[in-house]
């Protein structure tokens, strides 16, 4: 019942638009400040590696993630210094404009969980909660945005290409 409300109701679409705009603005400003003010993730990554998330017994909880940061993220810091600010900015634009909303929110959640696994709580739990609401709502979350035109266009184009491929 709640799922149907989220996915099909016009009132829900309006509420989702407000949530989407809030999250979009947060993502956009975070990314834009990193692009314009300079950004280097190496300090954050080194801190996450030196002070990993620990359980009540004192052992690392996400040792696999710390290993990922040590062996992949830190050696490829230039890639991460590019993807993080631009990813945040594009996620924000997608959410604010309501364009490819589901994809933008999916990648937003991936980044939220990445920050969370590295030990940064901040506003991530709230963003994750609101993000899952947007993701669950699907198309209805971008109904009052560019998705109103973009999603039907993509569906029409994909169907046309499938018809050509099977003919």
C-alpha atoms as a PDB file:
ATOM      1  CA  UNK A   1       0.000   0.000   0.000  1.00  0.00           C
ATOM      2  CA  UNK A   2       2.732   2.483   0.982  1.00  0.00           C
ATOM      3  CA  UNK A   3       4.738   1.416  -2.053  1.00  0.00           C
ATOM      4  CA  UNK A   4       1.775   2.204  -4.335  1.00  0.00           C
ATOM      5  CA  UNK A   5       1.393   5.595  -2.663  1.00  0.00           C
ATOM      6  CA  UNK A   6       5.073   6.374  -3.280  1.00  0.00           C
ATOM      7  CA  UNK A   7       5.073   5.138  -6.873  1.00  0.00           C
ATOM      8  CA  UNK A   8       1.727   6.378  -8.194  1.00  0.00           C
ATOM      9  CA  UNK A   9       0.187   9.170  -6.121  1.00  0.00           C
ATOM     10  CA  UNK A  10       0.326  12.832  -7.247  1.00  0.00           C
ATOM     11  CA  UNK A  11       0.551  14.100  -3.664  1.00  0.00           C
ATOM     12  CA  UNK A  12       3.437  11.721  -3.127  1.00  0.00           C
ATOM     13  CA  UNK A  13       5.097  13.087  -6.284  1.00  0.00           C
ATOM     14  CA  UNK A  14       4.912  16.597  -4.824  1.00  0.00           C
ATOM     15  CA  UNK A  15       6.369  15.481  -1.476  1.00  0.00           C
ATOM     16  CA  UNK A  16       9.077  13.531  -3.299  1.00  0.00           C
ATOM     17  CA  UNK A  17       9.923  16.642  -5.308  1.00  0.00           C
ATOM     18  CA  UNK A  18      10.609  18.552  -2.095  1.00  0.00           C
ATOM     19  CA  UNK A  19      12.807  15.726  -0.749  1.00  0.00           C
ATOM     20  CA  UNK A  20      14.541  15.443  -4.139  1.00  0.00           C
ATOM     21  CA  UNK A  21      15.255  19.183  -4.253  1.00  0.00           C
ATOM     22  CA  UNK A  22      16.638  19.138  -0.710  1.00  0.00           C
ATOM     23  CA  UNK A  23      18.963  16.212  -1.416  1.00  0.00           C
ATOM     24  CA  UNK A  24      19.899  17.606  -4.820  1.00  0.00           C
ATOM     25  CA  UNK A  25      20.862  20.971  -3.379  1.00  0.00           C
ATOM     26  CA  UNK A  26      22.957  19.257  -0.682  1.00  0.00           C
ATOM     27  CA  UNK A  27      24.790  17.107  -3.230  1.00  0.00           C
ATOM     28  CA  UNK A  28      25.249  19.947  -5.712  1.00  0.00           C
ATOM     29  CA  UNK A  29      26.684  22.428  -3.210  1.00  0.00           C
ATOM     30  CA  UNK A  30      29.009  19.812  -1.691  1.00  0.00           C
ATOM     31  CA  UNK A  31      30.389  18.911  -5.123  1.00  0.00           C
ATOM     32  CA  UNK A  32      30.514  22.471  -6.446  1.00  0.00           C
ATOM     33  CA  UNK A  33      32.512  23.669  -3.418  1.00  0.00           C
ATOM     34  CA  UNK A  34      34.977  20.836  -3.976  1.00  0.00           C
ATOM     35  CA  UNK A  35      35.354  21.698  -7.673  1.00  0.00           C
ATOM     36  CA  UNK A  36      35.797  25.433  -7.133  1.00  0.00           C
ATOM     37  CA  UNK A  37      37.718  25.294  -3.847  1.00  0.00           C
ATOM     38  CA  UNK A  38      40.107  22.495  -4.652  1.00  0.00           C
ATOM     39  CA  UNK A  39      39.753  18.984  -3.352  1.00  0.00           C
ATOM     40  CA  UNK A  40      42.154  16.285  -2.241  1.00  0.00           C
ATOM     41  CA  UNK A  41      40.698  13.074  -0.849  1.00  0.00           C
ATOM     42  CA  UNK A  42      44.047  11.646   0.260  1.00  0.00           C
ATOM     43  CA  UNK A  43      43.775  13.080   3.788  1.00  0.00           C
ATOM     44  CA  UNK A  44      40.288  11.648   4.217  1.00  0.00           C
ATOM     45  CA  UNK A  45      41.354   8.242   2.887  1.00  0.00           C
ATOM     46  CA  UNK A  46      44.458   8.120   5.081  1.00  0.00           C
ATOM     47  CA  UNK A  47      42.297   9.014   8.089  1.00  0.00           C
ATOM     48  CA  UNK A  48      39.761   6.304   7.222  1.00  0.00           C
ATOM     49  CA  UNK A  49      42.584   3.765   6.918  1.00  0.00           C
ATOM     50  CA  UNK A  50      44.303   4.862  10.151  1.00  0.00           C
ATOM     51  CA  UNK A  51      41.032   5.019  12.141  1.00  0.00           C
ATOM     52  CA  UNK A  52      38.707   2.379  10.695  1.00  0.00           C
ATOM     53  CA  UNK A  53      35.229   1.684  12.014  1.00  0.00           C
ATOM     54  CA  UNK A  54      35.596  -0.632  15.004  1.00  0.00           C
ATOM     55  CA  UNK A  55      33.061  -2.809  16.750  1.00  0.00           C
ATOM     56  CA  UNK A  56      32.494  -3.101  20.502  1.00  0.00           C
ATOM     57  CA  UNK A  57      35.263  -5.694  20.683  1.00  0.00           C
ATOM     58  CA  UNK A  58      37.782  -3.251  19.169  1.00  0.00           C
ATOM     59  CA  UNK A  59      38.159  -5.129  15.879  1.00  0.00           C
ATOM     60  CA  UNK A  60      37.648  -3.577  12.466  1.00  0.00           C
ATOM     61  CA  UNK A  61      34.089  -3.977  11.239  1.00  0.00           C
ATOM     62  CA  UNK A  62      34.711  -3.317   7.550  1.00  0.00           C
ATOM     63  CA  UNK A  63      38.215  -4.638   7.021  1.00  0.00           C
ATOM     64  CA  UNK A  64      37.394  -5.371   3.364  1.00  0.00           C
ATOM     65  CA  UNK A  65      36.609  -1.689   2.831  1.00  0.00           C
ATOM     66  CA  UNK A  66      39.815  -0.550   4.523  1.00  0.00           C
ATOM     67  CA  UNK A  67      41.688  -2.965   2.262  1.00  0.00           C
ATOM     68  CA  UNK A  68      39.898  -1.433  -0.763  1.00  0.00           C
ATOM     69  CA  UNK A  69      40.914   2.067   0.358  1.00  0.00           C
ATOM     70  CA  UNK A  70      44.548   1.012   0.921  1.00  0.00           C
ATOM     71  CA  UNK A  71      45.047  -1.069  -2.190  1.00  0.00           C
ATOM     72  CA  UNK A  72      42.859   0.694  -4.746  1.00  0.00           C
ATOM     73  CA  UNK A  73      41.553   4.118  -3.735  1.00  0.00           C
ATOM     74  CA  UNK A  74      44.747   5.621  -2.311  1.00  0.00           C
ATOM     75  CA  UNK A  75      47.000   4.481  -5.188  1.00  0.00           C
ATOM     76  CA  UNK A  76      44.439   5.932  -7.636  1.00  0.00           C
ATOM     77  CA  UNK A  77      43.826   9.144  -5.710  1.00  0.00           C
ATOM     78  CA  UNK A  78      43.802  11.288  -8.866  1.00  0.00           C
ATOM     79  CA  UNK A  79      40.804   9.343 -10.163  1.00  0.00           C
ATOM     80  CA  UNK A  80      38.966   9.765  -6.854  1.00  0.00           C
ATOM     81  CA  UNK A  81      39.866  13.469  -6.701  1.00  0.00           C
ATOM     82  CA  UNK A  82      38.018  13.776 -10.011  1.00  0.00           C
ATOM     83  CA  UNK A  83      35.057  11.420  -9.481  1.00  0.00           C
ATOM     84  CA  UNK A  84      34.023  12.583  -6.005  1.00  0.00           C
ATOM     85  CA  UNK A  85      33.449  16.297  -6.700  1.00  0.00           C
ATOM     86  CA  UNK A  86      32.063  15.764 -10.199  1.00  0.00           C
ATOM     87  CA  UNK A  87      29.955  12.823  -9.041  1.00  0.00           C
ATOM     88  CA  UNK A  88      28.475  14.877  -6.195  1.00  0.00           C
ATOM     89  CA  UNK A  89      27.772  17.788  -8.532  1.00  0.00           C
ATOM     90  CA  UNK A  90      26.129  15.621 -11.197  1.00  0.00           C
ATOM     91  CA  UNK A  91      24.069  13.725  -8.621  1.00  0.00           C
ATOM     92  CA  UNK A  92      22.885  17.074  -7.303  1.00  0.00           C
ATOM     93  CA  UNK A  93      22.001  18.346 -10.776  1.00  0.00           C
ATOM     94  CA  UNK A  94      20.150  15.152 -11.623  1.00  0.00           C
ATOM     95  CA  UNK A  95      18.115  15.346  -8.431  1.00  0.00           C
ATOM     96  CA  UNK A  96      17.398  19.088  -8.633  1.00  0.00           C
ATOM     97  CA  UNK A  97      16.342  18.888 -12.283  1.00  0.00           C
ATOM     98  CA  UNK A  98      14.543  15.576 -11.824  1.00  0.00           C
ATOM     99  CA  UNK A  99      16.535  14.128 -14.711  1.00  0.00           C
ATOM    100  CA  UNK A 100      17.468  10.442 -14.511  1.00  0.00           C
ATOM    101  CA  UNK A 101      16.393  10.713 -10.888  1.00  0.00           C
ATOM    102  CA  UNK A 102      16.601   7.010 -10.095  1.00  0.00           C
ATOM    103  CA  UNK A 103      20.137   6.707 -11.491  1.00  0.00           C
ATOM    104  CA  UNK A 104      21.266   9.876  -9.706  1.00  0.00           C
ATOM    105  CA  UNK A 105      19.840   8.627  -6.413  1.00  0.00           C
ATOM    106  CA  UNK A 106      21.406   5.185  -6.852  1.00  0.00           C
ATOM    107  CA  UNK A 107      24.863   6.723  -7.289  1.00  0.00           C
ATOM    108  CA  UNK A 108      24.147   9.121  -4.426  1.00  0.00           C
ATOM    109  CA  UNK A 109      23.434   6.153  -2.182  1.00  0.00           C
ATOM    110  CA  UNK A 110      26.628   4.433  -3.340  1.00  0.00           C
ATOM    111  CA  UNK A 111      28.583   7.538  -2.296  1.00  0.00           C
ATOM    112  CA  UNK A 112      26.663   7.845   1.005  1.00  0.00           C
ATOM    113  CA  UNK A 113      27.467   4.243   1.871  1.00  0.00           C
ATOM    114  CA  UNK A 114      31.103   4.748   0.853  1.00  0.00           C
ATOM    115  CA  UNK A 115      31.434   7.682   3.244  1.00  0.00           C
ATOM    116  CA  UNK A 116      29.572   5.726   5.925  1.00  0.00           C
ATOM    117  CA  UNK A 117      31.828   2.662   5.553  1.00  0.00           C
ATOM    118  CA  UNK A 118      34.840   4.954   5.908  1.00  0.00           C
ATOM    119  CA  UNK A 119      33.533   6.065   9.292  1.00  0.00           C
ATOM    120  CA  UNK A 120      31.882   9.387   8.463  1.00  0.00           C
ATOM    121  CA  UNK A 121      28.454   9.515  10.069  1.00  0.00           C
ATOM    122  CA  UNK A 122      27.565  13.209   9.610  1.00  0.00           C
ATOM    123  CA  UNK A 123      24.232  13.520   7.741  1.00  0.00           C
ATOM    124  CA  UNK A 124      24.705  10.226   5.861  1.00  0.00           C
ATOM    125  CA  UNK A 125      22.011   8.254   7.770  1.00  0.00           C
ATOM    126  CA  UNK A 126      19.396  10.905   6.982  1.00  0.00           C
ATOM    127  CA  UNK A 127      20.511  11.110   3.354  1.00  0.00           C
ATOM    128  CA  UNK A 128      20.410   7.315   3.057  1.00  0.00           C
ATOM    129  CA  UNK A 129      16.894   7.171   4.529  1.00  0.00           C
ATOM    130  CA  UNK A 130      15.581   9.902   2.213  1.00  0.00           C
ATOM    131  CA  UNK A 131      17.520   8.432  -0.707  1.00  0.00           C
ATOM    132  CA  UNK A 132      15.851   5.052  -0.311  1.00  0.00           C
ATOM    133  CA  UNK A 133      12.460   6.761  -0.339  1.00  0.00           C
ATOM    134  CA  UNK A 134      13.381   8.472  -3.632  1.00  0.00           C
ATOM    135  CA  UNK A 135      14.802   5.249  -5.076  1.00  0.00           C
ATOM    136  CA  UNK A 136      11.727   3.238  -4.052  1.00  0.00           C
ATOM    137  CA  UNK A 137       9.403   5.803  -5.626  1.00  0.00           C
ATOM    138  CA  UNK A 138      11.166   5.420  -8.972  1.00  0.00           C
ATOM    139  CA  UNK A 139       9.657   7.449 -11.806  1.00  0.00           C
ATOM    140  CA  UNK A 140       7.204   9.252  -9.507  1.00  0.00           C
ATOM    141  CA  UNK A 141      10.123  10.993  -7.750  1.00  0.00           C
ATOM    142  CA  UNK A 142      11.060  12.734 -11.016  1.00  0.00           C
ATOM    143  CA  UNK A 143       7.523  13.175 -12.336  1.00  0.00           C
ATOM    144  CA  UNK A 144       7.640  16.916 -11.602  1.00  0.00           C
ATOM    145  CA  UNK A 145      10.969  17.311 -13.344  1.00  0.00           C
ATOM    146  CA  UNK A 146      12.709  16.477 -16.604  1.00  0.00           C
ATOM    147  CA  UNK A 147      11.981  12.764 -16.143  1.00  0.00           C
ATOM    148  CA  UNK A 148       8.427  13.537 -17.264  1.00  0.00           C
ATOM    149  CA  UNK A 149       9.879  13.888 -20.796  1.00  0.00           C
ATOM    150  CA  UNK A 150      13.208  12.048 -20.570  1.00  0.00           C
ATOM    151  CA  UNK A 151      11.983   8.645 -19.337  1.00  0.00           C
ATOM    152  CA  UNK A 152       9.298   8.230 -22.058  1.00  0.00           C
ATOM    153  CA  UNK A 153      11.851   9.298 -24.690  1.00  0.00           C
ATOM    154  CA  UNK A 154      14.361   6.711 -23.452  1.00  0.00           C
ATOM    155  CA  UNK A 155      11.693   3.991 -23.291  1.00  0.00           C
ATOM    156  CA  UNK A 156      10.552   4.813 -26.840  1.00  0.00           C
ATOM    157  CA  UNK A 157      14.124   4.816 -28.161  1.00  0.00           C
ATOM    158  CA  UNK A 158      15.002   1.528 -26.447  1.00  0.00           C
ATOM    159  CA  UNK A 159      11.861  -0.166 -27.782  1.00  0.00           C
ATOM    160  CA  UNK A 160      12.607   1.114 -31.280  1.00  0.00           C
ATOM    161  CA  UNK A 161      16.181  -0.208 -31.126  1.00  0.00           C
ATOM    162  CA  UNK A 162      14.991  -3.589 -29.809  1.00  0.00           C
ATOM    163  CA  UNK A 163      12.503  -3.831 -32.668  1.00  0.00           C
ATOM    164  CA  UNK A 164      15.284  -3.109 -35.186  1.00  0.00           C
ATOM    165  CA  UNK A 165      17.577  -5.682 -33.567  1.00  0.00           C
ATOM    166  CA  UNK A 166      14.973  -8.453 -33.667  1.00  0.00           C
ATOM    167  CA  UNK A 167      13.824  -7.695 -37.218  1.00  0.00           C
END
